[in-house]
Amino acid sequence: MRVAYRRVSTTDQNLDRQLADMPDIEKVFEDKLTGSSRDRPGLTDMMGFCREGDCVVVHSLDRLGRDIRDLLNIVEELNTKGVAVEFISERLKFSNDDKDPLARLQLHMLAAFAQWERNIAKTRQAEGIARAKELHPEKYRGRPATIDADKIAELRSKGVGPTAIAKTLGIGRASVYRYLKENDAVSNIGATSA
């Protein structure tokens, strides 16, 4: 039986372009989540479904595994069960009865290049974000403060406790304690330096 495995990283992405022109596919397993985790329902179901003599068809190496170790483990696990794995984009097919060391070398090299390419993309993304923060710091200040310092001081001066202040202002108790601790530290610093 020819079994397809299709995956995209997010639910708003489309699976249609993967293996669309392959009428000989008898069963399809799909995931719409990141490949960085091995815990994917479609992958788990596909691994359990396949039997000796089946062939798993995948659009490309990166659709099956996101790093070299994961990809090799999945291919090896399927091959051990007697299941062949075929990657359409790379025109590669691996099975347990393959005694071709060149095919294995190709798999290792292609997976390594795919992982390297992902790492380069992540590095570029991080560099772009750092540059954007440098050029537009006003956009990367973080969330605006939700604590009204004057209101906390007013309630505290009336003898209201931290839990009641948090409840009154609709903020977390930890935020009130943090504010009070920082405020006391500032008061103590001013007192000792005078």
Protein backbone atom coordinates (compact mmCIF):
# COMPACT_ATOMS: atom_id res chain seq x y z
CA MET A 1 0.00 0.00 0.00
CA ARG A 2 1.23 3.52 -0.80
CA VAL A 3 0.66 5.79 2.18
CA ALA A 4 1.14 9.56 2.12
CA TYR A 5 2.31 11.73 4.99
CA ARG A 6 1.66 15.47 4.62
CA ARG A 7 2.54 18.22 7.09
CA VAL A 8 2.42 22.01 7.36
CA SER A 9 3.55 24.05 10.36
CA THR A 10 0.34 25.95 11.14
CA THR A 11 -3.40 25.44 10.79
CA ASP A 12 -3.77 28.34 8.34
CA GLN A 13 -1.33 26.79 5.86
CA ASN A 14 -2.60 24.62 3.02
CA LEU A 15 -1.69 20.96 2.45
CA ASP A 16 -3.01 20.86 -1.12
CA ARG A 17 0.30 21.34 -2.92
CA GLN A 18 1.86 18.30 -1.22
CA LEU A 19 1.44 15.13 -3.29
CA ALA A 20 -1.55 16.55 -5.17
CA ASP A 21 -0.76 14.78 -8.45
CA MET A 22 -0.31 11.24 -7.09
CA PRO A 23 -3.43 9.17 -7.78
CA ASP A 24 -1.85 5.93 -6.52
CA ILE A 25 -1.95 7.04 -2.87
CA GLU A 26 -4.34 4.83 -0.92
CA LYS A 27 -4.23 6.40 2.55
CA VAL A 28 -3.23 9.88 3.73
CA PHE A 29 -2.04 11.02 7.15
CA GLU A 30 -1.75 14.73 7.90
CA ASP A 31 -0.48 17.10 10.57
CA LYS A 32 -0.95 20.85 10.85
CA LEU A 33 1.64 21.66 13.46
CA THR A 34 5.35 22.20 13.81
CA GLY A 35 7.69 19.39 12.96
CA SER A 36 10.01 20.27 15.83
CA SER A 37 8.13 17.81 18.03
CA ARG A 38 7.90 14.08 17.42
CA ASP A 39 4.52 14.17 19.17
CA ARG A 40 2.37 14.62 16.05
CA PRO A 41 -0.95 12.71 15.85
CA GLY A 42 -0.80 12.14 12.09
CA LEU A 43 2.79 10.87 12.26
CA THR A 44 1.98 8.59 15.20
CA ASP A 45 -1.05 7.15 13.39
CA MET A 46 0.95 6.67 10.18
CA MET A 47 3.79 4.90 12.02
CA GLY A 48 1.28 2.55 13.67
CA PHE A 49 -0.69 1.95 10.47
CA CYS A 50 2.14 0.98 8.10
CA ARG A 51 2.95 -2.69 7.58
CA GLU A 52 5.71 -4.62 5.83
CA GLY A 53 5.65 -3.97 2.10
CA ASP A 54 4.04 -0.53 2.39
CA CYS A 55 5.66 2.62 1.06
CA VAL A 56 5.37 5.98 2.82
CA VAL A 57 5.40 8.86 0.33
CA VAL A 58 6.45 12.30 1.58
CA HIS A 59 6.70 15.55 -0.37
CA SER A 60 10.17 16.45 1.00
CA LEU A 61 12.62 15.60 3.78
CA ASP A 62 11.63 18.55 5.97
CA ARG A 63 7.96 17.49 5.99
CA LEU A 64 8.82 14.25 7.81
CA GLY A 65 11.46 15.42 10.31
CA ARG A 66 12.79 18.81 11.38
CA ASP A 67 16.30 17.75 12.34
CA ILE A 68 18.66 15.09 11.10
CA ARG A 69 18.37 12.82 14.14
CA ASP A 70 14.57 12.83 14.06
CA LEU A 71 14.43 12.25 10.30
CA LEU A 72 16.91 9.37 10.41
CA ASN A 73 15.11 7.77 13.37
CA ILE A 74 11.75 7.88 11.59
CA VAL A 75 13.16 6.47 8.34
CA GLU A 76 15.08 3.78 10.24
CA GLU A 77 12.02 2.83 12.30
CA LEU A 78 9.89 2.47 9.17
CA ASN A 79 12.62 0.58 7.29
CA THR A 80 13.00 -1.84 10.22
CA LYS A 81 9.28 -2.65 9.89
CA GLY A 82 9.86 -3.38 6.19
CA VAL A 83 8.30 -0.08 5.09
CA ALA A 84 9.97 1.93 2.33
CA VAL A 85 10.11 5.74 2.51
CA GLU A 86 10.04 7.84 -0.65
CA PHE A 87 10.77 11.58 -0.83
CA ILE A 88 9.30 13.06 -4.01
CA SER A 89 11.15 16.41 -4.16
CA GLU A 90 14.56 14.86 -3.57
CA ARG A 91 13.79 11.76 -5.71
CA LEU A 92 15.03 9.42 -3.00
CA LYS A 93 13.67 6.11 -1.79
CA PHE A 94 14.91 4.16 1.22
CA SER A 95 14.02 0.66 2.26
CA ASN A 96 15.47 -1.97 4.58
CA ASP A 97 16.59 -4.14 1.69
CA ASP A 98 18.57 -1.18 0.25
CA LYS A 99 22.19 -2.19 0.53
CA ASP A 100 23.27 0.96 -1.29
CA PRO A 101 25.56 2.96 1.03
CA LEU A 102 25.38 5.92 -1.38
CA ALA A 103 21.61 6.21 -0.79
CA ARG A 104 22.18 6.34 2.99
CA LEU A 105 24.92 8.93 2.54
CA GLN A 106 22.56 11.05 0.42
CA LEU A 107 19.89 10.90 3.12
CA HIS A 108 22.35 12.00 5.80
CA MET A 109 23.73 14.81 3.64
CA LEU A 110 20.35 16.12 2.51
CA ALA A 111 18.98 16.08 6.05
CA ALA A 112 22.11 17.89 7.29
CA PHE A 113 21.74 20.55 4.59
CA ALA A 114 18.03 20.96 5.39
CA GLN A 115 18.88 21.46 9.08
CA TRP A 116 21.68 23.90 8.20
CA GLU A 117 19.30 25.89 6.01
CA ARG A 118 16.75 26.13 8.86
CA ASN A 119 19.47 27.30 11.26
CA ILE A 120 20.61 29.97 8.77
CA ALA A 121 17.00 31.16 8.40
CA LYS A 122 16.60 31.39 12.20
CA THR A 123 19.86 33.34 12.48
CA ARG A 124 18.73 35.77 9.78
CA GLN A 125 15.39 36.19 11.52
CA ALA A 126 17.09 36.94 14.85
CA GLU A 127 19.41 39.45 13.15
CA GLY A 128 16.41 41.14 11.50
CA ILE A 129 14.57 41.43 14.80
CA ALA A 130 17.67 42.84 16.53
CA ARG A 131 18.11 45.40 13.73
CA ALA A 132 14.42 46.38 13.89
CA LYS A 133 14.70 46.86 17.67
CA GLU A 134 17.75 49.05 17.11
CA LEU A 135 16.04 51.19 14.45
CA HIS A 136 12.58 51.32 16.05
CA PRO A 137 12.95 50.89 19.83
CA GLU A 138 9.52 52.44 20.42
CA LYS A 139 7.91 49.36 18.85
CA TYR A 140 9.79 46.95 21.13
CA ARG A 141 9.25 48.42 24.58
CA GLY A 142 7.10 45.57 25.73
CA ARG A 143 3.71 45.72 27.30
CA PRO A 144 2.69 49.04 28.88
CA ALA A 145 2.60 49.10 32.67
CA THR A 146 -0.78 48.20 34.15
CA ILE A 147 0.07 49.15 37.72
CA ASP A 148 -1.22 52.51 38.93
CA ALA A 149 1.54 53.48 41.38
CA ASP A 150 -0.42 56.44 42.77
CA LYS A 151 -3.45 54.27 43.48
CA ILE A 152 -1.32 51.62 45.23
CA ALA A 153 0.35 54.31 47.38
CA GLU A 154 -3.05 55.83 48.22
CA LEU A 155 -4.57 52.48 49.22
CA ARG A 156 -1.45 51.50 51.16
CA SER A 157 -1.50 54.79 53.10
CA LYS A 158 -5.08 53.96 54.14
CA GLY A 159 -3.82 50.66 55.60
CA VAL A 160 -5.19 48.42 52.82
CA GLY A 161 -3.26 45.14 52.54
CA PRO A 162 -1.59 43.83 49.35
CA THR A 163 -4.28 41.21 48.68
CA ALA A 164 -7.07 43.79 48.92
CA ILE A 165 -5.08 46.23 46.73
CA ALA A 166 -4.66 43.54 44.07
CA LYS A 167 -8.36 42.74 44.18
CA THR A 168 -9.38 46.43 44.03
CA LEU A 169 -7.11 47.20 41.08
CA GLY A 170 -7.71 43.92 39.25
CA ILE A 171 -4.04 42.96 39.16
CA GLY A 172 -2.03 40.03 40.51
CA ARG A 173 -0.99 39.95 44.14
CA ALA A 174 2.61 39.23 43.05
CA SER A 175 2.59 42.52 41.10
CA VAL A 176 1.56 44.44 44.21
CA TYR A 177 4.21 42.73 46.34
CA ARG A 178 6.85 43.39 43.67
CA TYR A 179 5.87 47.07 43.49
CA LEU A 180 5.91 47.43 47.27
CA LYS A 181 9.28 45.68 47.53
CA GLU A 182 10.80 47.94 44.84
CA ASN A 183 9.22 51.02 46.43
CA ASP A 184 10.53 50.08 49.91
CA ALA A 185 14.00 49.43 48.43
CA VAL A 186 14.00 52.92 46.88
CA SER A 187 12.91 54.46 50.21
CA ASN A 188 15.60 52.55 52.13
CA ILE A 189 18.32 53.57 49.62
CA GLY A 190 17.29 57.22 49.97
CA ALA A 191 17.30 56.97 53.78
CA THR A 192 20.75 55.35 54.03
CA SER A 193 22.41 57.73 51.58
CA ALA A 194 21.10 60.87 53.40
